[in-house]
Amino acid sequence: MTLIPHVNDKSVPTSAELRRQVARATDRLRDTAVHVGRLVEDKTPDPVLAGALRTATRVRDTAARAGRLAGHRDLDSVRANAGRAATAARTHRTALATAAGVLAAAALARRARRARRAK
């Protein structure tokens, strides 16, 4: 059955039928995702799983800490600091562009020197 039927087609599904179809498709996709997840987990070596678990725990803890800090801080001071930084960047635009160009040139020169040494 097509989701977009022709105008003259008499077999247009009702909204309840569409909901049931979507629910079945969602259940199939969820089951498939769980199955694929189990297959990947079974084939992944234990040290990799342990490292991924440690990393996920660290990321979760860091995100929770950042959320707590953001909740406790007064965002007006952050906005004021950002505004001052933006104003300073606008007033010293030429100096910032020159500094960025010098840094880029230094990085390229260093990269070229490193490439010549490797030969």
C-alpha atoms as a PDB file:
ATOM      1  CA  MET A   1       0.000   0.000   0.000  1.00  0.00           C
ATOM      2  CA  THR A   2       1.344   3.391  -0.930  1.00  0.00           C
ATOM      3  CA  LEU A   3       1.431   6.193   1.581  1.00  0.00           C
ATOM      4  CA  ILE A   4       0.367   8.794  -1.001  1.00  0.00           C
ATOM      5  CA  PRO A   5      -2.590   7.281  -2.867  1.00  0.00           C
ATOM      6  CA  HIS A   6      -3.999   8.547  -6.120  1.00  0.00           C
ATOM      7  CA  VAL A   7      -6.957  10.926  -5.836  1.00  0.00           C
ATOM      8  CA  ASN A   8      -9.390   8.434  -7.383  1.00  0.00           C
ATOM      9  CA  ASP A   9      -8.099   5.492  -5.358  1.00  0.00           C
ATOM     10  CA  LYS A  10     -10.833   4.107  -3.108  1.00  0.00           C
ATOM     11  CA  SER A  11      -8.438   2.219  -0.808  1.00  0.00           C
ATOM     12  CA  VAL A  12      -7.197   5.286   1.086  1.00  0.00           C
ATOM     13  CA  PRO A  13      -6.175   4.141   4.566  1.00  0.00           C
ATOM     14  CA  THR A  14      -7.806   5.749   7.531  1.00  0.00           C
ATOM     15  CA  SER A  15      -5.782   7.612  10.109  1.00  0.00           C
ATOM     16  CA  ALA A  16      -6.117   4.667  12.523  1.00  0.00           C
ATOM     17  CA  GLU A  17      -4.760   2.279   9.877  1.00  0.00           C
ATOM     18  CA  LEU A  18      -1.849   4.630   9.205  1.00  0.00           C
ATOM     19  CA  ARG A  19      -1.094   4.835  12.937  1.00  0.00           C
ATOM     20  CA  ARG A  20      -1.046   1.028  13.151  1.00  0.00           C
ATOM     21  CA  GLN A  21       1.271   0.803  10.131  1.00  0.00           C
ATOM     22  CA  VAL A  22       3.605   3.382  11.623  1.00  0.00           C
ATOM     23  CA  ALA A  23       3.561   1.594  14.987  1.00  0.00           C
ATOM     24  CA  ARG A  24       4.418  -1.738  13.309  1.00  0.00           C
ATOM     25  CA  ALA A  25       7.229  -0.157  11.287  1.00  0.00           C
ATOM     26  CA  THR A  26       8.566   1.565  14.421  1.00  0.00           C
ATOM     27  CA  ASP A  27       8.526  -1.705  16.352  1.00  0.00           C
ATOM     28  CA  ARG A  28      10.349  -3.491  13.517  1.00  0.00           C
ATOM     29  CA  LEU A  29      12.985  -0.765  13.351  1.00  0.00           C
ATOM     30  CA  ARG A  30      13.452  -0.774  17.124  1.00  0.00           C
ATOM     31  CA  ASP A  31      13.832  -4.578  17.150  1.00  0.00           C
ATOM     32  CA  THR A  32      16.326  -4.398  14.291  1.00  0.00           C
ATOM     33  CA  ALA A  33      18.336  -1.701  16.065  1.00  0.00           C
ATOM     34  CA  VAL A  34      18.464  -3.758  19.255  1.00  0.00           C
ATOM     35  CA  HIS A  35      19.535  -6.835  17.274  1.00  0.00           C
ATOM     36  CA  VAL A  36      22.280  -4.932  15.423  1.00  0.00           C
ATOM     37  CA  GLY A  37      23.449  -3.409  18.702  1.00  0.00           C
ATOM     38  CA  ARG A  38      23.762  -6.848  20.273  1.00  0.00           C
ATOM     39  CA  LEU A  39      25.669  -8.170  17.234  1.00  0.00           C
ATOM     40  CA  VAL A  40      28.119  -5.265  17.357  1.00  0.00           C
ATOM     41  CA  GLU A  41      28.547  -5.662  21.100  1.00  0.00           C
ATOM     42  CA  ASP A  42      29.202  -9.398  20.737  1.00  0.00           C
ATOM     43  CA  LYS A  43      31.836  -8.873  18.045  1.00  0.00           C
ATOM     44  CA  THR A  44      33.615  -5.961  19.764  1.00  0.00           C
ATOM     45  CA  PRO A  45      36.646  -6.926  21.874  1.00  0.00           C
ATOM     46  CA  ASP A  46      36.299  -6.485  25.630  1.00  0.00           C
ATOM     47  CA  PRO A  47      39.075  -3.865  25.995  1.00  0.00           C
ATOM     48  CA  VAL A  48      37.359  -1.679  23.397  1.00  0.00           C
ATOM     49  CA  LEU A  49      34.021  -2.019  25.195  1.00  0.00           C
ATOM     50  CA  ALA A  50      35.647  -1.147  28.525  1.00  0.00           C
ATOM     51  CA  GLY A  51      37.293   1.932  27.012  1.00  0.00           C
ATOM     52  CA  ALA A  52      34.037   3.021  25.398  1.00  0.00           C
ATOM     53  CA  LEU A  53      32.217   2.597  28.706  1.00  0.00           C
ATOM     54  CA  ARG A  54      34.850   4.673  30.538  1.00  0.00           C
ATOM     55  CA  THR A  55      34.678   7.371  27.882  1.00  0.00           C
ATOM     56  CA  ALA A  56      30.885   7.438  27.904  1.00  0.00           C
ATOM     57  CA  THR A  57      30.882   7.725  31.693  1.00  0.00           C
ATOM     58  CA  ARG A  58      33.375  10.607  31.567  1.00  0.00           C
ATOM     59  CA  VAL A  59      31.375  12.413  28.900  1.00  0.00           C
ATOM     60  CA  ARG A  60      28.148  11.930  30.836  1.00  0.00           C
ATOM     61  CA  ASP A  61      29.739  13.207  34.056  1.00  0.00           C
ATOM     62  CA  THR A  62      31.281  16.202  32.291  1.00  0.00           C
ATOM     63  CA  ALA A  63      27.979  17.081  30.634  1.00  0.00           C
ATOM     64  CA  ALA A  64      26.169  16.815  33.962  1.00  0.00           C
ATOM     65  CA  ARG A  65      28.795  19.020  35.630  1.00  0.00           C
ATOM     66  CA  ALA A  66      28.565  21.595  32.834  1.00  0.00           C
ATOM     67  CA  GLY A  67      24.794  21.608  33.183  1.00  0.00           C
ATOM     68  CA  ARG A  68      25.027  22.157  36.930  1.00  0.00           C
ATOM     69  CA  LEU A  69      27.554  24.966  36.475  1.00  0.00           C
ATOM     70  CA  ALA A  70      25.429  26.634  33.823  1.00  0.00           C
ATOM     71  CA  GLY A  71      22.412  26.369  36.073  1.00  0.00           C
ATOM     72  CA  HIS A  72      24.206  27.960  39.012  1.00  0.00           C
ATOM     73  CA  ARG A  73      25.842  30.797  37.114  1.00  0.00           C
ATOM     74  CA  ASP A  74      24.337  34.120  36.313  1.00  0.00           C
ATOM     75  CA  LEU A  75      24.226  34.255  32.518  1.00  0.00           C
ATOM     76  CA  ASP A  76      24.174  38.061  32.480  1.00  0.00           C
ATOM     77  CA  SER A  77      27.873  38.182  33.345  1.00  0.00           C
ATOM     78  CA  VAL A  78      28.610  35.668  30.571  1.00  0.00           C
ATOM     79  CA  ARG A  79      26.664  37.792  28.096  1.00  0.00           C
ATOM     80  CA  ALA A  80      28.510  40.908  29.250  1.00  0.00           C
ATOM     81  CA  ASN A  81      31.892  39.211  28.805  1.00  0.00           C
ATOM     82  CA  ALA A  82      30.895  37.951  25.361  1.00  0.00           C
ATOM     83  CA  GLY A  83      29.738  41.443  24.420  1.00  0.00           C
ATOM     84  CA  ARG A  84      33.033  42.972  25.564  1.00  0.00           C
ATOM     85  CA  ALA A  85      34.995  40.355  23.618  1.00  0.00           C
ATOM     86  CA  ALA A  86      32.939  40.989  20.477  1.00  0.00           C
ATOM     87  CA  THR A  87      33.437  44.742  20.824  1.00  0.00           C
ATOM     88  CA  ALA A  88      37.186  44.303  21.274  1.00  0.00           C
ATOM     89  CA  ALA A  89      37.320  42.026  18.232  1.00  0.00           C
ATOM     90  CA  ARG A  90      35.449  44.588  16.138  1.00  0.00           C
ATOM     91  CA  THR A  91      37.678  47.469  17.198  1.00  0.00           C
ATOM     92  CA  HIS A  92      40.897  45.502  16.631  1.00  0.00           C
ATOM     93  CA  ARG A  93      39.809  43.671  13.487  1.00  0.00           C
ATOM     94  CA  THR A  94      42.979  44.485  11.519  1.00  0.00           C
ATOM     95  CA  ALA A  95      45.265  43.354  14.314  1.00  0.00           C
ATOM     96  CA  LEU A  96      43.335  40.108  14.703  1.00  0.00           C
ATOM     97  CA  ALA A  97      43.438  39.437  10.952  1.00  0.00           C
ATOM     98  CA  THR A  98      47.187  40.138  10.893  1.00  0.00           C
ATOM     99  CA  ALA A  99      47.789  37.825  13.858  1.00  0.00           C
ATOM    100  CA  ALA A 100      45.720  35.085  12.230  1.00  0.00           C
ATOM    101  CA  GLY A 101      47.690  35.478   8.994  1.00  0.00           C
ATOM    102  CA  VAL A 102      51.018  35.301  10.830  1.00  0.00           C
ATOM    103  CA  LEU A 103      49.925  32.172  12.703  1.00  0.00           C
ATOM    104  CA  ALA A 104      48.733  30.536   9.481  1.00  0.00           C
ATOM    105  CA  ALA A 105      52.000  31.361   7.718  1.00  0.00           C
ATOM    106  CA  ALA A 106      54.008  29.999  10.655  1.00  0.00           C
ATOM    107  CA  ALA A 107      51.973  26.798  10.651  1.00  0.00           C
ATOM    108  CA  LEU A 108      52.454  26.350   6.903  1.00  0.00           C
ATOM    109  CA  ALA A 109      56.204  27.037   7.144  1.00  0.00           C
ATOM    110  CA  ARG A 110      56.562  24.548   9.979  1.00  0.00           C
ATOM    111  CA  ARG A 111      54.598  21.956   8.040  1.00  0.00           C
ATOM    112  CA  ALA A 112      56.740  22.502   4.932  1.00  0.00           C
ATOM    113  CA  ARG A 113      59.950  22.237   6.978  1.00  0.00           C
ATOM    114  CA  ARG A 114      58.709  19.019   8.570  1.00  0.00           C
ATOM    115  CA  ALA A 115      57.825  17.599   5.144  1.00  0.00           C
ATOM    116  CA  ARG A 116      61.325  18.421   3.817  1.00  0.00           C
ATOM    117  CA  ARG A 117      62.947  16.677   6.787  1.00  0.00           C
ATOM    118  CA  ALA A 118      60.879  13.528   6.253  1.00  0.00           C
ATOM    119  CA  LYS A 119      62.230  13.078   2.706  1.00  0.00           C
END
